[in-house]
Amino acid sequence: MSLQYKTRLFFLAAMIGLNFSFLSAEGWTASQKTFLSEAGQLAALQKTYFQQRVQSDWKGMYALQHPEFQKKISFEEFQFFDGRVVYNYRDGASQHLSGGMTPPLAFIKKNPGRKDALGNPQPRFYRWYPNPFITIDSYALEKISISENGKYAMVAVKLKGKEKLNTAMVRDNIEFDIAKPHVDYWEKVAGQWRITVLANPASISGGSKIPYFIPNSNAAWEKVKFIEIGADKLAMKP
């Protein structure tokens, strides 16, 4: 095969690859533009939601929760459990949170804040993880996956922060950098993206204890077909 022929094949393959790229710089279809636009909205919402959690902006976080979640979980409950509460936490064994019984709803409504040993009010902080010695301060967007029907979405990020070893255990001040994968699940409700309804973590397939936000039917979620858009594609303009 001559060098000239090989060169022609190389350029032909390159042209085909450009033409069939889902998010190529040229030749955008209406469908592609729609998905990219939705991904842009989700990226902006993800940034807002991240900052709200870092700053423990309870009203902002609660406003982004799914309407069905808000029907079941009041603002006071959401704050009382540091943002880590499932929509059906009072059902059966779910009532046991953090090693103790769940206090009555009336008590939570009257005492959504935190108090120290002397009864003085203390601010509540959003808890990313059960481990209180982990702090998150930034993130890197990795990819956004949107269902083909445009109803569901997953935003995958890499959370960055610090983890401090419990001084009561190690008798020293030891802190190190961490980077943890994280996924936020969104659903479009009445034209607005909202964090999906929380399910009981114990009911998630595989017995996972991680309280991810997922739709009511995990089995249905797993069958959804998604279109993935990498973070690098969001910088491209049609």
Protein backbone atom coordinates (compact mmCIF):
# COMPACT_ATOMS: atom_id res chain seq x y z
CA MET A 1 0.00 0.00 0.00
CA SER A 2 1.51 3.31 -1.08
CA LEU A 3 2.16 6.17 1.34
CA GLN A 4 -0.23 8.39 -0.63
CA TYR A 5 -3.04 5.81 -0.33
CA LYS A 6 -2.44 5.41 3.41
CA THR A 7 -2.56 9.17 3.82
CA ARG A 8 -5.92 9.34 2.03
CA LEU A 9 -7.34 6.58 4.25
CA PHE A 10 -6.16 8.41 7.35
CA PHE A 11 -7.87 11.65 6.39
CA LEU A 12 -11.04 9.78 5.35
CA ALA A 13 -11.24 8.05 8.74
CA ALA A 14 -10.67 11.36 10.49
CA MET A 15 -13.50 13.00 8.56
CA ILE A 16 -15.88 10.13 9.32
CA GLY A 17 -15.03 10.41 13.02
CA LEU A 18 -15.77 14.12 13.03
CA ASN A 19 -19.08 13.66 11.24
CA PHE A 20 -20.32 10.99 13.64
CA SER A 21 -19.16 12.64 16.86
CA PHE A 22 -22.19 13.25 19.09
CA LEU A 23 -21.05 16.69 20.07
CA SER A 24 -18.90 17.78 17.16
CA ALA A 25 -18.19 21.47 16.79
CA GLU A 26 -20.16 21.60 13.51
CA GLY A 27 -23.33 20.01 12.22
CA TRP A 28 -25.25 20.21 15.47
CA THR A 29 -28.74 18.74 15.32
CA ALA A 30 -31.67 20.12 17.27
CA SER A 31 -31.58 17.04 19.51
CA GLN A 32 -27.88 17.46 20.26
CA LYS A 33 -28.35 21.13 21.08
CA THR A 34 -31.20 20.24 23.44
CA PHE A 35 -29.13 17.70 25.35
CA LEU A 36 -26.18 20.06 25.54
CA SER A 37 -28.45 22.85 26.79
CA GLU A 38 -29.90 20.56 29.47
CA ALA A 39 -26.39 19.51 30.48
CA GLY A 40 -25.43 23.16 30.82
CA GLN A 41 -28.41 23.78 33.08
CA LEU A 42 -27.53 20.77 35.20
CA ALA A 43 -23.90 21.86 35.48
CA ALA A 44 -25.05 25.27 36.73
CA LEU A 45 -27.50 23.69 39.18
CA GLN A 46 -24.82 21.31 40.39
CA LYS A 47 -22.56 24.26 41.16
CA THR A 48 -25.35 26.00 43.05
CA TYR A 49 -26.32 22.85 44.97
CA PHE A 50 -22.70 22.17 45.86
CA GLN A 51 -22.20 25.66 47.27
CA GLN A 52 -25.45 25.39 49.22
CA ARG A 53 -24.20 22.20 50.87
CA VAL A 54 -20.78 23.63 51.65
CA GLN A 55 -22.39 26.72 53.19
CA SER A 56 -25.20 24.72 54.86
CA ASP A 57 -27.79 26.86 53.09
CA TRP A 58 -30.77 24.85 54.31
CA LYS A 59 -33.46 26.85 52.54
CA GLY A 60 -31.60 26.71 49.24
CA MET A 61 -30.98 22.96 49.50
CA TYR A 62 -34.54 22.19 50.52
CA ALA A 63 -35.94 24.21 47.59
CA LEU A 64 -34.11 21.90 45.16
CA GLN A 65 -35.57 18.73 46.65
CA HIS A 66 -38.23 16.78 44.76
CA PRO A 67 -41.82 17.98 45.44
CA GLU A 68 -42.80 14.48 46.60
CA PHE A 69 -39.88 14.52 49.04
CA GLN A 70 -41.03 17.87 50.39
CA LYS A 71 -44.52 16.45 50.94
CA LYS A 72 -43.10 13.72 53.17
CA ILE A 73 -40.16 15.52 54.77
CA SER A 74 -40.56 18.95 56.31
CA PHE A 75 -37.89 21.63 56.22
CA GLU A 76 -37.31 21.11 59.95
CA GLU A 77 -36.74 17.36 59.48
CA PHE A 78 -34.36 17.98 56.60
CA GLN A 79 -32.31 20.32 58.75
CA PHE A 80 -32.56 18.22 61.92
CA PHE A 81 -30.89 15.25 60.23
CA ASP A 82 -28.14 17.38 58.64
CA GLY A 83 -29.56 16.88 55.14
CA ARG A 84 -29.13 13.09 55.37
CA VAL A 85 -32.68 11.83 55.67
CA VAL A 86 -34.68 9.46 53.47
CA TYR A 87 -38.28 10.14 52.56
CA ASN A 88 -39.53 7.00 54.36
CA TYR A 89 -37.19 7.10 57.36
CA ARG A 90 -40.04 6.48 59.81
CA ASP A 91 -41.02 3.18 58.21
CA GLY A 92 -40.01 0.14 60.25
CA ALA A 93 -36.29 -0.22 60.93
CA SER A 94 -35.64 3.09 59.21
CA GLN A 95 -36.57 4.79 62.47
CA HIS A 96 -33.17 3.88 63.89
CA LEU A 97 -30.84 6.64 62.79
CA SER A 98 -27.30 7.21 64.07
CA GLY A 99 -27.64 4.39 66.55
CA GLY A 100 -30.74 5.74 68.34
CA MET A 101 -34.47 6.03 68.07
CA THR A 102 -35.91 8.82 65.99
CA PRO A 103 -37.42 11.60 68.13
CA PRO A 104 -41.11 12.45 67.64
CA LEU A 105 -41.98 14.78 64.79
CA ALA A 106 -43.38 17.35 67.22
CA PHE A 107 -40.00 17.52 68.95
CA ILE A 108 -38.16 17.93 65.64
CA LYS A 109 -40.52 20.71 64.57
CA LYS A 110 -39.76 22.63 67.77
CA ASN A 111 -36.05 21.85 67.83
CA PRO A 112 -34.68 21.79 64.26
CA GLY A 113 -31.39 23.34 65.38
CA ARG A 114 -28.59 21.81 67.45
CA LYS A 115 -27.71 22.57 71.07
CA ASP A 116 -24.53 22.00 73.04
CA ALA A 117 -24.29 20.29 76.43
CA LEU A 118 -25.32 23.54 78.15
CA GLY A 119 -28.37 24.02 75.95
CA ASN A 120 -26.91 26.82 73.86
CA PRO A 121 -27.97 26.84 70.19
CA GLN A 122 -25.37 25.61 67.70
CA PRO A 123 -25.48 25.81 63.90
CA ARG A 124 -26.19 22.67 61.92
CA PHE A 125 -23.88 21.72 59.08
CA TYR A 126 -24.67 19.61 56.05
CA ARG A 127 -23.15 16.14 56.38
CA TRP A 128 -21.66 14.73 53.17
CA TYR A 129 -20.73 11.48 54.92
CA PRO A 130 -21.48 9.78 58.24
CA ASN A 131 -17.86 10.45 59.22
CA PRO A 132 -17.91 13.92 60.88
CA PHE A 133 -14.16 14.32 60.34
CA ILE A 134 -14.54 14.70 56.56
CA THR A 135 -14.89 18.18 55.11
CA ILE A 136 -15.54 18.93 51.43
CA ASP A 137 -14.50 22.25 49.91
CA SER A 138 -14.44 21.79 46.12
CA TYR A 139 -15.32 19.44 43.29
CA ALA A 140 -14.50 18.59 39.71
CA LEU A 141 -17.28 17.85 37.24
CA GLU A 142 -16.66 14.58 35.39
CA LYS A 143 -19.75 13.86 33.29
CA ILE A 144 -23.47 14.42 33.00
CA SER A 145 -25.77 11.60 31.90
CA ILE A 146 -29.26 12.49 30.67
CA SER A 147 -31.96 9.94 29.92
CA GLU A 148 -33.10 9.71 26.32
CA ASN A 149 -36.55 10.98 27.30
CA GLY A 150 -34.96 13.97 29.07
CA LYS A 151 -36.61 13.15 32.40
CA TYR A 152 -33.73 11.85 34.51
CA ALA A 153 -30.11 12.82 34.89
CA MET A 154 -26.99 11.82 36.80
CA VAL A 155 -24.20 14.29 37.52
CA ALA A 156 -20.91 12.61 38.37
CA VAL A 157 -18.30 14.66 40.20
CA LYS A 158 -15.11 14.16 42.15
CA LEU A 159 -15.44 15.69 45.62
CA LYS A 160 -12.27 17.16 47.10
CA GLY A 161 -11.52 18.01 50.70
CA LYS A 162 -9.83 16.90 53.88
CA GLU A 163 -10.18 13.99 56.27
CA LYS A 164 -8.99 14.29 59.83
CA LEU A 165 -8.35 11.28 62.01
CA ASN A 166 -10.21 11.25 65.30
CA THR A 167 -7.78 12.73 67.84
CA ALA A 168 -9.37 10.61 70.54
CA MET A 169 -8.14 7.55 68.66
CA VAL A 170 -4.72 8.58 67.32
CA ARG A 171 -3.72 11.19 69.93
CA ASP A 172 -2.36 13.44 67.21
CA ASN A 173 -3.54 15.98 64.65
CA ILE A 174 -3.43 14.01 61.39
CA GLU A 175 -5.15 15.40 58.31
CA PHE A 176 -4.86 14.44 54.66
CA ASP A 177 -6.34 15.33 51.27
CA ILE A 178 -9.15 13.21 49.86
CA ALA A 179 -10.90 12.88 46.51
CA LYS A 180 -14.10 10.87 46.46
CA PRO A 181 -16.45 10.03 43.57
CA HIS A 182 -20.01 11.25 44.02
CA VAL A 183 -23.20 11.19 41.96
CA ASP A 184 -26.23 13.43 42.33
CA TYR A 185 -29.49 12.19 40.79
CA TRP A 186 -31.94 14.63 39.24
CA GLU A 187 -35.44 14.41 37.83
CA LYS A 188 -37.24 16.99 35.70
CA VAL A 189 -40.51 17.93 37.38
CA ALA A 190 -42.84 20.49 35.75
CA GLY A 191 -39.96 21.71 33.62
CA GLN A 192 -37.53 22.10 36.55
CA TRP A 193 -34.63 19.85 37.55
CA ARG A 194 -34.97 18.62 41.13
CA ILE A 195 -33.07 16.18 43.33
CA THR A 196 -34.98 12.91 43.15
CA VAL A 197 -36.92 11.29 45.95
CA LEU A 198 -34.80 9.47 48.48
CA ALA A 199 -35.39 5.76 49.00
CA ASN A 200 -34.51 3.76 52.08
CA PRO A 201 -30.77 3.00 51.64
CA ALA A 202 -31.29 -0.55 52.95
CA SER A 203 -33.63 -1.29 50.04
CA ILE A 204 -31.14 -0.35 47.34
CA SER A 205 -29.95 -3.37 45.37
CA GLY A 206 -26.80 -4.87 46.85
CA GLY A 207 -27.71 -3.70 50.35
CA SER A 208 -25.82 -0.42 49.93
CA LYS A 209 -25.86 1.83 52.96
CA ILE A 210 -24.88 4.92 50.97
CA PRO A 211 -27.87 7.30 50.95
CA TYR A 212 -27.78 8.20 47.27
CA PHE A 213 -30.68 10.11 45.81
CA ILE A 214 -32.57 7.74 43.49
CA PRO A 215 -36.06 7.53 41.98
CA ASN A 216 -38.79 5.56 43.71
CA SER A 217 -38.11 2.45 41.66
CA ASN A 218 -34.42 1.59 41.55
CA ALA A 219 -35.15 -1.26 39.14
CA ALA A 220 -36.76 1.18 36.72
CA TRP A 221 -33.84 3.60 37.06
CA GLU A 222 -31.33 0.90 36.13
CA LYS A 223 -33.18 0.24 32.85
CA VAL A 224 -33.07 3.87 31.74
CA LYS A 225 -30.87 4.57 28.72
CA PHE A 226 -28.63 7.59 29.13
CA ILE A 227 -26.67 9.88 26.85
CA GLU A 228 -23.37 10.82 28.46
CA ILE A 229 -21.81 14.25 28.07
CA GLY A 230 -18.28 14.74 29.38
CA ALA A 231 -17.26 17.90 31.20
CA ASP A 232 -14.96 18.80 28.29
CA LYS A 233 -17.94 18.85 25.90
CA LEU A 234 -19.73 21.52 27.95
CA ALA A 235 -17.02 24.00 26.99
CA MET A 236 -17.87 23.57 23.29
CA LYS A 237 -20.29 25.98 21.63
CA PRO A 238 -22.56 25.09 18.69
